N, C-alpha and C. Protein backbone atom coordinates (compact mmCIF):
# COMPACT_ATOMS: atom_id res chain seq x y z
N MET A 1 -26.29 1.00 -36.75
CA MET A 1 -26.06 0.15 -35.49
C MET A 1 -24.70 0.33 -34.94
N GLU A 2 -24.45 0.47 -33.80
CA GLU A 2 -23.11 0.54 -33.15
C GLU A 2 -22.55 -0.77 -32.73
N GLU A 3 -21.29 -0.82 -32.81
CA GLU A 3 -20.55 -1.99 -32.40
C GLU A 3 -20.42 -2.10 -30.85
N ALA A 4 -20.45 -3.28 -30.38
CA ALA A 4 -20.15 -3.45 -28.95
C ALA A 4 -18.75 -3.00 -28.49
N SER A 5 -18.60 -2.27 -27.42
CA SER A 5 -17.30 -1.75 -27.01
C SER A 5 -16.51 -2.97 -26.38
N THR A 6 -15.20 -3.06 -26.58
CA THR A 6 -14.38 -4.08 -26.03
C THR A 6 -13.65 -3.49 -24.86
N TYR A 7 -13.94 -2.20 -24.39
CA TYR A 7 -13.14 -1.52 -23.33
C TYR A 7 -13.57 -2.29 -21.98
N ARG A 8 -12.60 -2.57 -21.10
CA ARG A 8 -12.92 -3.34 -19.93
C ARG A 8 -12.75 -2.46 -18.61
N GLY A 9 -12.51 -1.20 -18.71
CA GLY A 9 -12.43 -0.33 -17.66
C GLY A 9 -10.90 -0.14 -17.27
N GLY A 10 -10.01 -0.61 -17.94
CA GLY A 10 -8.61 -0.36 -17.56
C GLY A 10 -8.20 -1.01 -16.31
N GLY A 11 -6.80 -1.19 -16.20
CA GLY A 11 -6.23 -1.81 -15.03
C GLY A 11 -6.42 -3.42 -14.98
N THR A 12 -5.51 -4.04 -14.39
CA THR A 12 -5.80 -5.55 -14.33
C THR A 12 -6.41 -5.76 -12.83
N THR A 13 -6.93 -6.93 -12.77
CA THR A 13 -7.56 -7.38 -11.55
C THR A 13 -6.42 -7.25 -10.39
N GLY A 14 -5.23 -7.79 -10.63
CA GLY A 14 -4.15 -7.51 -9.63
C GLY A 14 -3.97 -6.11 -9.26
N GLY A 15 -3.92 -5.13 -10.21
CA GLY A 15 -3.67 -3.82 -9.97
C GLY A 15 -4.80 -3.25 -9.02
N LYS A 16 -5.94 -3.60 -9.36
CA LYS A 16 -7.05 -3.08 -8.49
C LYS A 16 -7.04 -3.62 -7.02
N LEU A 17 -6.76 -5.00 -7.02
CA LEU A 17 -6.76 -5.63 -5.64
C LEU A 17 -5.62 -5.12 -4.98
N GLY A 18 -4.43 -5.05 -5.66
CA GLY A 18 -3.05 -4.70 -5.02
C GLY A 18 -3.33 -3.32 -4.33
N CYS A 19 -3.98 -2.43 -5.07
CA CYS A 19 -4.31 -1.02 -4.43
C CYS A 19 -5.18 -1.08 -3.20
N ALA A 20 -6.12 -1.94 -3.29
CA ALA A 20 -6.86 -2.22 -2.05
C ALA A 20 -6.24 -2.74 -0.88
N PHE A 21 -5.34 -3.71 -1.22
CA PHE A 21 -4.56 -4.39 -0.09
C PHE A 21 -3.51 -3.34 0.47
N ALA A 22 -2.92 -2.54 -0.42
CA ALA A 22 -2.08 -1.54 0.10
C ALA A 22 -2.77 -0.44 0.99
N ALA A 23 -4.03 -0.25 0.61
CA ALA A 23 -4.79 0.70 1.52
C ALA A 23 -5.12 0.06 2.85
N ILE A 24 -5.51 -1.27 2.78
CA ILE A 24 -5.86 -2.02 3.91
C ILE A 24 -4.67 -2.12 5.01
N VAL A 25 -3.33 -2.20 4.44
CA VAL A 25 -2.13 -2.27 5.22
C VAL A 25 -1.73 -0.88 5.60
N GLY A 26 -1.70 0.10 4.59
CA GLY A 26 -1.12 1.30 4.83
C GLY A 26 -1.99 2.29 5.74
N LEU A 27 -3.22 2.21 5.67
CA LEU A 27 -4.02 3.09 6.60
C LEU A 27 -3.75 2.96 8.03
N PRO A 28 -3.75 1.65 8.57
CA PRO A 28 -3.40 1.52 9.93
C PRO A 28 -1.98 1.82 10.27
N LEU A 29 -1.02 1.61 9.33
CA LEU A 29 0.42 1.86 9.58
C LEU A 29 0.52 3.41 9.61
N PHE A 30 -0.10 4.12 8.72
CA PHE A 30 0.00 5.62 8.80
C PHE A 30 -0.62 6.14 9.98
N GLY A 31 -1.75 5.54 10.46
CA GLY A 31 -2.35 6.09 11.79
C GLY A 31 -1.38 5.76 12.80
N LEU A 32 -0.76 4.69 13.03
CA LEU A 32 0.08 4.44 14.17
C LEU A 32 1.39 5.40 14.01
N ALA A 33 1.84 5.60 12.80
CA ALA A 33 2.99 6.45 12.67
C ALA A 33 2.66 7.88 13.06
N PHE A 34 1.49 8.26 12.69
CA PHE A 34 1.14 9.55 12.99
C PHE A 34 0.78 9.78 14.50
N ILE A 35 0.24 8.73 15.26
CA ILE A 35 0.11 8.87 16.62
C ILE A 35 1.40 8.93 17.32
N TYR A 36 2.37 8.01 16.87
CA TYR A 36 3.71 8.08 17.36
C TYR A 36 4.42 9.35 17.27
N ALA A 37 4.30 9.91 16.07
CA ALA A 37 4.94 11.28 15.65
C ALA A 37 4.26 12.32 16.60
N SER A 38 3.09 12.36 16.90
CA SER A 38 2.37 13.42 17.58
C SER A 38 2.52 13.25 19.26
N MET A 39 3.18 12.19 19.58
CA MET A 39 3.30 11.91 21.06
C MET A 39 4.34 12.81 21.65
N GLY A 40 5.22 13.39 20.92
CA GLY A 40 6.29 14.24 21.57
C GLY A 40 7.62 13.79 21.36
N GLN A 41 8.60 14.33 21.87
CA GLN A 41 9.88 13.98 21.80
C GLN A 41 10.38 12.63 22.53
N CYS A 42 11.53 12.15 22.10
CA CYS A 42 12.06 10.94 22.78
C CYS A 42 12.71 11.40 24.06
N ALA A 43 12.95 10.44 24.97
CA ALA A 43 13.63 10.78 26.23
C ALA A 43 15.02 11.07 25.95
N PRO A 44 15.65 11.93 26.76
CA PRO A 44 16.88 12.44 26.57
C PRO A 44 17.86 11.27 26.67
N GLY A 45 18.78 11.18 25.70
CA GLY A 45 19.86 10.12 25.67
C GLY A 45 19.33 8.93 24.90
N ALA A 46 18.03 8.79 24.66
CA ALA A 46 17.59 7.51 24.04
C ALA A 46 17.56 7.69 22.44
N ASP A 47 17.93 6.60 21.86
CA ASP A 47 17.90 6.61 20.41
C ASP A 47 16.29 6.47 19.95
N CYS A 48 16.00 7.30 19.08
CA CYS A 48 14.54 7.28 18.56
C CYS A 48 14.43 7.56 17.19
N ILE A 49 13.57 7.25 16.56
CA ILE A 49 13.22 7.53 15.12
C ILE A 49 12.23 8.79 15.07
N ALA A 50 12.73 9.70 14.29
CA ALA A 50 11.85 10.90 14.16
C ALA A 50 10.44 10.50 13.36
N GLY A 51 9.42 11.22 13.68
CA GLY A 51 8.11 11.01 13.24
C GLY A 51 8.00 10.86 11.70
N TRP A 52 8.69 11.66 10.99
CA TRP A 52 8.54 11.69 9.59
C TRP A 52 9.21 10.49 8.93
N LYS A 53 10.31 10.06 9.71
CA LYS A 53 10.83 8.71 9.11
C LYS A 53 9.86 7.51 9.41
N MET A 54 9.20 7.61 10.40
CA MET A 54 8.13 6.61 10.72
C MET A 54 7.03 6.51 9.54
N ILE A 55 6.67 7.76 9.21
CA ILE A 55 5.63 7.80 8.18
C ILE A 55 6.14 7.45 6.79
N ALA A 56 7.41 7.72 6.51
CA ALA A 56 8.00 7.26 5.31
C ALA A 56 8.20 5.68 5.33
N VAL A 57 8.47 5.13 6.31
CA VAL A 57 8.60 3.66 6.40
C VAL A 57 7.17 3.10 6.18
N ALA A 58 6.12 3.62 6.89
CA ALA A 58 4.78 3.24 6.59
C ALA A 58 4.47 3.20 5.16
N GLY A 59 4.83 4.40 4.58
CA GLY A 59 4.53 4.52 3.13
C GLY A 59 5.19 3.51 2.29
N LEU A 60 6.50 3.34 2.58
CA LEU A 60 7.22 2.33 1.83
C LEU A 60 6.67 0.92 2.09
N LEU A 61 6.38 0.50 3.22
CA LEU A 61 5.79 -0.79 3.48
C LEU A 61 4.43 -1.02 2.73
N ALA A 62 3.68 -0.02 2.73
CA ALA A 62 2.28 -0.11 2.05
C ALA A 62 2.59 -0.22 0.56
N GLY A 63 3.49 0.55 0.02
CA GLY A 63 3.79 0.47 -1.35
C GLY A 63 4.51 -0.89 -1.68
N VAL A 64 5.23 -1.55 -1.03
CA VAL A 64 5.96 -2.80 -1.37
C VAL A 64 4.86 -3.80 -1.19
N PHE A 65 3.92 -3.77 -0.14
CA PHE A 65 2.96 -4.67 -0.14
C PHE A 65 1.96 -4.66 -1.25
N GLY A 66 1.62 -3.47 -1.71
CA GLY A 66 0.64 -3.27 -2.86
C GLY A 66 1.30 -3.84 -4.01
N VAL A 67 2.56 -3.59 -4.41
CA VAL A 67 3.24 -4.08 -5.52
C VAL A 67 3.36 -5.64 -5.56
N ALA A 68 3.67 -6.18 -4.39
CA ALA A 68 3.79 -7.54 -4.20
C ALA A 68 2.37 -8.32 -4.35
N ALA A 69 1.33 -7.64 -3.82
CA ALA A 69 -0.01 -8.35 -4.04
C ALA A 69 -0.47 -8.29 -5.44
N ARG A 70 -0.12 -7.13 -6.00
CA ARG A 70 -0.46 -6.91 -7.50
C ARG A 70 0.17 -8.14 -8.36
N ALA A 71 1.51 -8.23 -8.08
CA ALA A 71 2.31 -9.29 -8.90
C ALA A 71 1.79 -10.70 -8.63
N ALA A 72 1.53 -10.98 -7.46
CA ALA A 72 1.07 -12.22 -6.96
C ALA A 72 -0.31 -12.54 -7.56
N ILE A 73 -1.22 -11.61 -7.59
CA ILE A 73 -2.64 -11.88 -8.13
C ILE A 73 -2.56 -12.05 -9.61
N ASN A 74 -1.68 -11.16 -10.35
CA ASN A 74 -1.61 -11.27 -11.72
C ASN A 74 -0.94 -12.55 -12.18
N ALA A 75 0.11 -12.98 -11.49
CA ALA A 75 0.64 -14.35 -11.88
C ALA A 75 -0.26 -15.43 -11.49
N PHE A 76 -1.10 -15.38 -10.51
CA PHE A 76 -2.02 -16.57 -10.19
C PHE A 76 -3.10 -16.44 -11.28
N ILE A 77 -3.57 -15.28 -11.76
CA ILE A 77 -4.52 -15.32 -12.85
C ILE A 77 -4.07 -15.83 -14.12
N ARG A 78 -2.81 -15.47 -14.39
CA ARG A 78 -2.10 -15.96 -15.68
C ARG A 78 -1.91 -17.47 -15.54
N PHE A 79 -1.46 -17.95 -14.32
CA PHE A 79 -1.26 -19.39 -14.21
C PHE A 79 -2.52 -20.26 -14.36
N ARG A 80 -3.68 -19.68 -13.88
CA ARG A 80 -4.87 -20.43 -14.03
C ARG A 80 -5.35 -20.42 -15.47
N HIS A 81 -5.08 -19.59 -16.24
CA HIS A 81 -5.69 -19.52 -17.69
C HIS A 81 -4.60 -20.17 -18.58
């Protein structure tokens, strides 16, 4: 007779939902940054941000949002129990 496994599939609820929230925020940001980067060069004499910098900022924002959501969800779950 085999014993029941206690394996729960790895990862916390906050980690899984944080990743989902990062994707929900990140995909539109990456899309907008890609469109902005592909529209061409800035006007002469105007200050502008290069396309790769916009994509890097979108990735950074998505990552920060995902980590913050993960921490908030895990803290909420620990607080409730």
